[in-house]
Amino acid sequence: MIRAVVFDLWNTLVFSPAGSPFQRMKELLKPEQEGQFAALMRDGMARPYASVHAFLKVWRGAIGLDAAQVEAMAQAFLEAGNQAQCFRESSESVGAVRDLARVALLSNTQTFGLELLDRLGLSDCIRIRLLSAEIGVLKPESAAFEAMQRKLGLFPGNLAMVGDSWNDDVQGALDAGWTAIWVNREAKPRPDHDPEAPLYEVRSLHRVPELIQGLQEGMRCPTCLG
């Protein structure tokens, strides 16, 4: 029985025309710094920082960022947050799911620059949330899903994960024993998977409330909604 539905944030509920600030940071690195990008990105999403400048101060010394790089990187986060907007169906869909189950947010993201959650009304409609930078682990690591289970006080079979990332959201949820709902807006080919897995695919968040209701009523056909 699905008792809680956990949403991913970026590219599931919201998007930014400015693109990923971490990707923009990568583009700003010098050749001799590029080898540190994976560690830099993970650190930004796995440790709590009070501000983007606090984050960049650490990495300025670690890999020798110059003043121009620091300013451009800080601007990338500012623009991504300021330009972020919800997908047009996000609010309605989350509201409809709230009528059926508890809702929560589990996101691989930093702790700074998230004023957008208040600006877009997400703080009010999804009050239970875990950010990777707050808990020190990222999806698809099992510890991220286990942390949400503990916060909600539910068993894996009671939880559904809604997200756009096959690796982070779908595979992570399946490995944790959750139901996985893949938001595949671009109709990407589905990677190989266990045909018996509790995996469902939708093209839009509009379909999620209907799917959750169907699962609660006993539907078990992964192709029922397409």
C-alpha atoms as a PDB file:
ATOM      1  CA  MET A   1       0.000   0.000   0.000  1.00  0.00           C
ATOM      2  CA  ILE A   2       1.521   3.344  -1.049  1.00  0.00           C
ATOM      3  CA  ARG A   3       1.328   5.663   1.949  1.00  0.00           C
ATOM      4  CA  ALA A   4       3.882   8.294   0.906  1.00  0.00           C
ATOM      5  CA  VAL A   5       5.083   9.677  -2.419  1.00  0.00           C
ATOM      6  CA  VAL A   6       8.571  11.159  -2.544  1.00  0.00           C
ATOM      7  CA  PHE A   7       9.408  13.624  -5.297  1.00  0.00           C
ATOM      8  CA  ASP A   8      12.747  14.536  -6.790  1.00  0.00           C
ATOM      9  CA  LEU A   9      13.295  18.290  -7.236  1.00  0.00           C
ATOM     10  CA  TRP A  10      15.392  19.278 -10.245  1.00  0.00           C
ATOM     11  CA  ASN A  11      13.957  18.397 -13.654  1.00  0.00           C
ATOM     12  CA  THR A  12      11.049  16.629 -11.961  1.00  0.00           C
ATOM     13  CA  LEU A  13       9.208  19.441 -10.177  1.00  0.00           C
ATOM     14  CA  VAL A  14      11.305  22.414 -11.273  1.00  0.00           C
ATOM     15  CA  PHE A  15      13.738  23.395 -14.002  1.00  0.00           C
ATOM     16  CA  SER A  16      15.964  26.361 -14.698  1.00  0.00           C
ATOM     17  CA  PRO A  17      16.499  27.854 -18.166  1.00  0.00           C
ATOM     18  CA  ALA A  18      19.945  28.806 -16.889  1.00  0.00           C
ATOM     19  CA  GLY A  19      20.830  25.115 -16.709  1.00  0.00           C
ATOM     20  CA  SER A  20      22.710  23.229 -14.025  1.00  0.00           C
ATOM     21  CA  PRO A  21      25.074  25.500 -12.080  1.00  0.00           C
ATOM     22  CA  PHE A  22      27.411  22.579 -11.510  1.00  0.00           C
ATOM     23  CA  GLN A  23      27.659  22.008 -15.257  1.00  0.00           C
ATOM     24  CA  ARG A  24      28.433  25.686 -15.726  1.00  0.00           C
ATOM     25  CA  MET A  25      31.119  25.405 -13.049  1.00  0.00           C
ATOM     26  CA  LYS A  26      32.679  22.535 -14.970  1.00  0.00           C
ATOM     27  CA  GLU A  27      32.849  24.674 -18.090  1.00  0.00           C
ATOM     28  CA  LEU A  28      34.652  27.401 -16.135  1.00  0.00           C
ATOM     29  CA  LEU A  29      37.428  25.135 -14.873  1.00  0.00           C
ATOM     30  CA  LYS A  30      40.891  25.306 -16.380  1.00  0.00           C
ATOM     31  CA  PRO A  31      42.348  22.106 -17.873  1.00  0.00           C
ATOM     32  CA  GLU A  32      44.544  21.497 -14.854  1.00  0.00           C
ATOM     33  CA  GLN A  33      41.508  21.815 -12.551  1.00  0.00           C
ATOM     34  CA  GLU A  34      39.071  19.588 -14.443  1.00  0.00           C
ATOM     35  CA  GLY A  35      40.214  16.409 -12.737  1.00  0.00           C
ATOM     36  CA  GLN A  36      38.796  17.735  -9.455  1.00  0.00           C
ATOM     37  CA  PHE A  37      35.312  18.423 -10.800  1.00  0.00           C
ATOM     38  CA  ALA A  38      33.676  15.203  -9.573  1.00  0.00           C
ATOM     39  CA  ALA A  39      34.985  15.783  -6.041  1.00  0.00           C
ATOM     40  CA  LEU A  40      33.939  19.440  -6.159  1.00  0.00           C
ATOM     41  CA  MET A  41      30.407  18.627  -7.261  1.00  0.00           C
ATOM     42  CA  ARG A  42      29.946  15.856  -4.716  1.00  0.00           C
ATOM     43  CA  ASP A  43      31.232  18.096  -1.953  1.00  0.00           C
ATOM     44  CA  GLY A  44      28.744  20.808  -2.899  1.00  0.00           C
ATOM     45  CA  MET A  45      25.872  18.335  -2.774  1.00  0.00           C
ATOM     46  CA  ALA A  46      27.022  16.288   0.226  1.00  0.00           C
ATOM     47  CA  ARG A  47      28.108  18.928   2.748  1.00  0.00           C
ATOM     48  CA  PRO A  48      26.087  21.794   4.201  1.00  0.00           C
ATOM     49  CA  TYR A  49      27.396  25.227   3.283  1.00  0.00           C
ATOM     50  CA  ALA A  50      25.855  28.480   4.490  1.00  0.00           C
ATOM     51  CA  SER A  51      26.354  30.167   1.128  1.00  0.00           C
ATOM     52  CA  VAL A  52      27.793  29.672  -2.314  1.00  0.00           C
ATOM     53  CA  HIS A  53      30.722  31.869  -1.309  1.00  0.00           C
ATOM     54  CA  ALA A  54      31.486  29.630   1.666  1.00  0.00           C
ATOM     55  CA  PHE A  55      31.519  26.650  -0.699  1.00  0.00           C
ATOM     56  CA  LEU A  56      33.699  28.371  -3.266  1.00  0.00           C
ATOM     57  CA  LYS A  57      36.110  29.637  -0.588  1.00  0.00           C
ATOM     58  CA  VAL A  58      36.990  26.030   0.259  1.00  0.00           C
ATOM     59  CA  TRP A  59      37.542  25.073  -3.358  1.00  0.00           C
ATOM     60  CA  ARG A  60      39.334  28.272  -4.255  1.00  0.00           C
ATOM     61  CA  GLY A  61      42.155  27.173  -2.010  1.00  0.00           C
ATOM     62  CA  ALA A  62      41.910  23.480  -2.856  1.00  0.00           C
ATOM     63  CA  ILE A  63      42.250  23.763  -6.631  1.00  0.00           C
ATOM     64  CA  GLY A  64      43.393  27.335  -7.162  1.00  0.00           C
ATOM     65  CA  LEU A  65      40.261  29.043  -8.462  1.00  0.00           C
ATOM     66  CA  ASP A  66      40.961  32.624  -9.437  1.00  0.00           C
ATOM     67  CA  ALA A  67      38.755  35.605  -8.593  1.00  0.00           C
ATOM     68  CA  ALA A  68      37.086  35.653 -12.004  1.00  0.00           C
ATOM     69  CA  GLN A  69      36.193  31.963 -11.758  1.00  0.00           C
ATOM     70  CA  VAL A  70      34.750  32.392  -8.280  1.00  0.00           C
ATOM     71  CA  GLU A  71      32.579  35.305  -9.377  1.00  0.00           C
ATOM     72  CA  ALA A  72      31.324  33.499 -12.479  1.00  0.00           C
ATOM     73  CA  MET A  73      30.565  30.338 -10.504  1.00  0.00           C
ATOM     74  CA  ALA A  74      28.672  32.268  -7.827  1.00  0.00           C
ATOM     75  CA  GLN A  75      26.701  33.974 -10.575  1.00  0.00           C
ATOM     76  CA  ALA A  76      25.816  30.593 -12.090  1.00  0.00           C
ATOM     77  CA  PHE A  77      24.125  29.524  -8.853  1.00  0.00           C
ATOM     78  CA  LEU A  78      22.378  32.865  -8.492  1.00  0.00           C
ATOM     79  CA  GLU A  79      20.988  32.709 -12.016  1.00  0.00           C
ATOM     80  CA  ALA A  80      19.919  29.077 -11.717  1.00  0.00           C
ATOM     81  CA  GLY A  81      17.958  29.850  -8.558  1.00  0.00           C
ATOM     82  CA  ASN A  82      16.459  33.114  -9.799  1.00  0.00           C
ATOM     83  CA  GLN A  83      15.334  31.604 -13.104  1.00  0.00           C
ATOM     84  CA  ALA A  84      14.009  28.347 -11.648  1.00  0.00           C
ATOM     85  CA  GLN A  85      10.351  27.658 -12.291  1.00  0.00           C
ATOM     86  CA  CYS A  86       7.940  24.814 -11.746  1.00  0.00           C
ATOM     87  CA  PHE A  87       6.764  22.646 -14.582  1.00  0.00           C
ATOM     88  CA  ARG A  88       3.241  23.817 -15.288  1.00  0.00           C
ATOM     89  CA  GLU A  89       1.672  20.654 -13.872  1.00  0.00           C
ATOM     90  CA  SER A  90       3.785  20.438 -10.701  1.00  0.00           C
ATOM     91  CA  SER A  91       1.549  22.267  -8.232  1.00  0.00           C
ATOM     92  CA  GLU A  92      -1.685  20.634  -9.355  1.00  0.00           C
ATOM     93  CA  SER A  93      -0.160  17.168  -9.415  1.00  0.00           C
ATOM     94  CA  VAL A  94       1.471  17.435  -6.001  1.00  0.00           C
ATOM     95  CA  GLY A  95      -1.775  18.776  -4.583  1.00  0.00           C
ATOM     96  CA  ALA A  96      -3.726  15.851  -6.013  1.00  0.00           C
ATOM     97  CA  VAL A  97      -1.201  13.356  -4.627  1.00  0.00           C
ATOM     98  CA  ARG A  98      -1.504  14.992  -1.196  1.00  0.00           C
ATOM     99  CA  ASP A  99      -5.166  13.989  -1.201  1.00  0.00           C
ATOM    100  CA  LEU A 100      -4.064  10.363  -1.520  1.00  0.00           C
ATOM    101  CA  ALA A 101      -0.835  10.053   0.473  1.00  0.00           C
ATOM    102  CA  ARG A 102       1.835  11.945   2.336  1.00  0.00           C
ATOM    103  CA  VAL A 103       4.298  13.800   0.125  1.00  0.00           C
ATOM    104  CA  ALA A 104       8.001  14.469   0.617  1.00  0.00           C
ATOM    105  CA  LEU A 105      11.039  15.760  -1.252  1.00  0.00           C
ATOM    106  CA  LEU A 106      14.343  13.885  -1.649  1.00  0.00           C
ATOM    107  CA  SER A 107      16.864  15.782  -3.734  1.00  0.00           C
ATOM    108  CA  ASN A 108      20.516  15.682  -4.663  1.00  0.00           C
ATOM    109  CA  THR A 109      21.222  19.356  -4.150  1.00  0.00           C
ATOM    110  CA  GLN A 110      23.165  21.918  -2.161  1.00  0.00           C
ATOM    111  CA  THR A 111      21.882  23.738   0.922  1.00  0.00           C
ATOM    112  CA  PHE A 112      22.490  27.263  -0.389  1.00  0.00           C
ATOM    113  CA  GLY A 113      20.542  29.132  -3.049  1.00  0.00           C
ATOM    114  CA  LEU A 114      17.294  27.298  -2.376  1.00  0.00           C
ATOM    115  CA  GLU A 115      15.111  30.333  -1.748  1.00  0.00           C
ATOM    116  CA  LEU A 116      13.304  29.114  -4.854  1.00  0.00           C
ATOM    117  CA  LEU A 117      11.492  26.541  -2.682  1.00  0.00           C
ATOM    118  CA  ASP A 118       9.702  29.371  -0.890  1.00  0.00           C
ATOM    119  CA  ARG A 119       9.282  31.521  -3.999  1.00  0.00           C
ATOM    120  CA  LEU A 120       7.657  28.684  -5.955  1.00  0.00           C
ATOM    121  CA  GLY A 121       5.459  27.574  -3.058  1.00  0.00           C
ATOM    122  CA  LEU A 122       7.125  24.184  -2.695  1.00  0.00           C
ATOM    123  CA  SER A 123       7.995  24.715   0.964  1.00  0.00           C
ATOM    124  CA  ASP A 124       4.296  24.978   1.766  1.00  0.00           C
ATOM    125  CA  CYS A 125       3.024  22.066  -0.316  1.00  0.00           C
ATOM    126  CA  ILE A 126       5.892  19.661   0.491  1.00  0.00           C
ATOM    127  CA  ARG A 127       6.900  20.172   4.088  1.00  0.00           C
ATOM    128  CA  ILE A 128       8.866  16.962   4.557  1.00  0.00           C
ATOM    129  CA  ARG A 129      12.177  17.131   2.765  1.00  0.00           C
ATOM    130  CA  LEU A 130      15.691  15.748   2.806  1.00  0.00           C
ATOM    131  CA  LEU A 131      18.509  17.319   0.822  1.00  0.00           C
ATOM    132  CA  SER A 132      21.681  15.384   0.084  1.00  0.00           C
ATOM    133  CA  ALA A 133      23.822  18.184   1.534  1.00  0.00           C
ATOM    134  CA  GLU A 134      21.909  17.894   4.817  1.00  0.00           C
ATOM    135  CA  ILE A 135      22.280  14.131   5.191  1.00  0.00           C
ATOM    136  CA  GLY A 136      25.693  13.629   3.569  1.00  0.00           C
ATOM    137  CA  VAL A 137      24.613  11.017   1.018  1.00  0.00           C
ATOM    138  CA  LEU A 138      23.285  11.208  -2.523  1.00  0.00           C
ATOM    139  CA  LYS A 139      20.767   9.169  -4.462  1.00  0.00           C
ATOM    140  CA  PRO A 140      21.079   6.396  -5.603  1.00  0.00           C
ATOM    141  CA  GLU A 141      22.965   5.468  -2.416  1.00  0.00           C
ATOM    142  CA  SER A 142      20.773   3.304  -0.217  1.00  0.00           C
ATOM    143  CA  ALA A 143      21.448   5.496   2.803  1.00  0.00           C
ATOM    144  CA  ALA A 144      19.550   8.373   1.171  1.00  0.00           C
ATOM    145  CA  PHE A 145      16.411   6.265   0.784  1.00  0.00           C
ATOM    146  CA  GLU A 146      16.809   4.754   4.233  1.00  0.00           C
ATOM    147  CA  ALA A 147      17.029   8.236   5.742  1.00  0.00           C
ATOM    148  CA  MET A 148      13.708   9.144   4.144  1.00  0.00           C
ATOM    149  CA  GLN A 149      12.130   5.897   5.358  1.00  0.00           C
ATOM    150  CA  ARG A 150      13.166   6.739   8.916  1.00  0.00           C
ATOM    151  CA  LYS A 151      11.900  10.307   8.625  1.00  0.00           C
ATOM    152  CA  LEU A 152       8.516   9.099   7.410  1.00  0.00           C
ATOM    153  CA  GLY A 153       8.397   6.077   9.703  1.00  0.00           C
ATOM    154  CA  LEU A 154       7.383   3.786   6.842  1.00  0.00           C
ATOM    155  CA  PHE A 155       8.527   0.510   5.288  1.00  0.00           C
ATOM    156  CA  PRO A 156       9.950   0.360   1.723  1.00  0.00           C
ATOM    157  CA  GLY A 157       6.767  -1.161   0.349  1.00  0.00           C
ATOM    158  CA  ASN A 158       4.823   1.900   1.503  1.00  0.00           C
ATOM    159  CA  LEU A 159       6.900   4.340  -0.544  1.00  0.00           C
ATOM    160  CA  ALA A 160       6.973   5.530  -4.146  1.00  0.00           C
ATOM    161  CA  MET A 161       9.733   7.659  -5.693  1.00  0.00           C
ATOM    162  CA  VAL A 162       8.875  10.074  -8.518  1.00  0.00           C
ATOM    163  CA  GLY A 163      11.832  11.359 -10.507  1.00  0.00           C
ATOM    164  CA  ASP A 164      13.374  11.981 -13.909  1.00  0.00           C
ATOM    165  CA  SER A 165      16.758  10.312 -13.363  1.00  0.00           C
ATOM    166  CA  TRP A 166      16.937   6.626 -14.238  1.00  0.00           C
ATOM    167  CA  ASN A 167      20.043   6.099 -12.130  1.00  0.00           C
ATOM    168  CA  ASP A 168      19.353   8.314  -9.126  1.00  0.00           C
ATOM    169  CA  ASP A 169      15.579   8.019  -8.793  1.00  0.00           C
ATOM    170  CA  VAL A 170      14.459   4.845 -10.540  1.00  0.00           C
ATOM    171  CA  GLN A 171      17.334   2.475  -9.890  1.00  0.00           C
ATOM    172  CA  GLY A 172      17.932   3.915  -6.434  1.00  0.00           C
ATOM    173  CA  ALA A 173      14.290   3.429  -5.475  1.00  0.00           C
ATOM    174  CA  LEU A 174      14.133  -0.101  -6.850  1.00  0.00           C
ATOM    175  CA  ASP A 175      17.301  -1.084  -5.022  1.00  0.00           C
ATOM    176  CA  ALA A 176      15.748   0.280  -1.825  1.00  0.00           C
ATOM    177  CA  GLY A 177      12.584  -1.766  -2.314  1.00  0.00           C
ATOM    178  CA  TRP A 178      10.408   1.213  -3.207  1.00  0.00           C
ATOM    179  CA  THR A 179       8.016   1.621  -6.112  1.00  0.00           C
ATOM    180  CA  ALA A 180       9.657   3.727  -8.835  1.00  0.00           C
ATOM    181  CA  ILE A 181       7.834   6.188 -11.094  1.00  0.00           C
ATOM    182  CA  TRP A 182      10.001   7.442 -13.935  1.00  0.00           C
ATOM    183  CA  VAL A 183       9.058  10.868 -15.307  1.00  0.00           C
ATOM    184  CA  ASN A 184      10.290  10.428 -18.869  1.00  0.00           C
ATOM    185  CA  ARG A 185       9.217  13.671 -20.555  1.00  0.00           C
ATOM    186  CA  GLU A 186      11.534  13.180 -23.528  1.00  0.00           C
ATOM    187  CA  ALA A 187      10.466   9.593 -24.222  1.00  0.00           C
ATOM    188  CA  LYS A 188      13.977   8.241 -23.794  1.00  0.00           C
ATOM    189  CA  PRO A 189      14.505   4.519 -24.375  1.00  0.00           C
ATOM    190  CA  ARG A 190      14.012   2.572 -21.187  1.00  0.00           C
ATOM    191  CA  PRO A 191      17.230   0.882 -20.029  1.00  0.00           C
ATOM    192  CA  ASP A 192      17.211  -2.827 -19.333  1.00  0.00           C
ATOM    193  CA  HIS A 193      15.394  -3.678 -16.131  1.00  0.00           C
ATOM    194  CA  ASP A 194      13.684  -6.486 -14.280  1.00  0.00           C
ATOM    195  CA  PRO A 195      10.273  -6.833 -15.963  1.00  0.00           C
ATOM    196  CA  GLU A 196       8.782  -7.774 -12.583  1.00  0.00           C
ATOM    197  CA  ALA A 197      10.096  -4.637 -10.860  1.00  0.00           C
ATOM    198  CA  PRO A 198       7.528  -2.178  -9.449  1.00  0.00           C
ATOM    199  CA  LEU A 199       8.446   0.364 -12.110  1.00  0.00           C
ATOM    200  CA  TYR A 200       6.059   2.737 -13.856  1.00  0.00           C
ATOM    201  CA  GLU A 201       6.679   5.316 -16.546  1.00  0.00           C
ATOM    202  CA  VAL A 202       4.812   8.560 -17.187  1.00  0.00           C
ATOM    203  CA  ARG A 203       5.393  11.391 -19.625  1.00  0.00           C
ATOM    204  CA  SER A 204       4.072  14.052 -17.263  1.00  0.00           C
ATOM    205  CA  LEU A 205       3.385  14.611 -13.585  1.00  0.00           C
ATOM    206  CA  HIS A 206      -0.288  14.913 -14.562  1.00  0.00           C
ATOM    207  CA  ARG A 207      -0.418  11.106 -14.587  1.00  0.00           C
ATOM    208  CA  VAL A 208       1.070  10.564 -11.144  1.00  0.00           C
ATOM    209  CA  PRO A 209      -2.090  11.037  -9.013  1.00  0.00           C
ATOM    210  CA  GLU A 210      -4.008   8.598 -11.199  1.00  0.00           C
ATOM    211  CA  LEU A 211      -1.178   6.107 -10.970  1.00  0.00           C
ATOM    212  CA  ILE A 212      -0.898   6.378  -7.180  1.00  0.00           C
ATOM    213  CA  GLN A 213      -4.624   5.894  -6.828  1.00  0.00           C
ATOM    214  CA  GLY A 214      -4.451   2.844  -9.085  1.00  0.00           C
ATOM    215  CA  LEU A 215      -1.605   1.361  -7.056  1.00  0.00           C
ATOM    216  CA  GLN A 216      -3.513   1.908  -3.840  1.00  0.00           C
ATOM    217  CA  GLU A 217      -6.482   0.107  -5.361  1.00  0.00           C
ATOM    218  CA  GLY A 218      -4.347  -2.859  -6.341  1.00  0.00           C
ATOM    219  CA  MET A 219      -3.148  -2.126  -9.898  1.00  0.00           C
ATOM    220  CA  ARG A 220       0.087  -3.933 -10.607  1.00  0.00           C
ATOM    221  CA  CYS A 221       0.569  -3.537 -14.359  1.00  0.00           C
ATOM    222  CA  PRO A 222       3.689  -1.451 -15.165  1.00  0.00           C
ATOM    223  CA  THR A 223       2.365  -0.646 -18.630  1.00  0.00           C
ATOM    224  CA  CYS A 224      -1.141   0.404 -17.600  1.00  0.00           C
ATOM    225  CA  LEU A 225      -0.492   4.133 -17.930  1.00  0.00           C
ATOM    226  CA  GLY A 226       2.327   4.089 -20.455  1.00  0.00           C
END
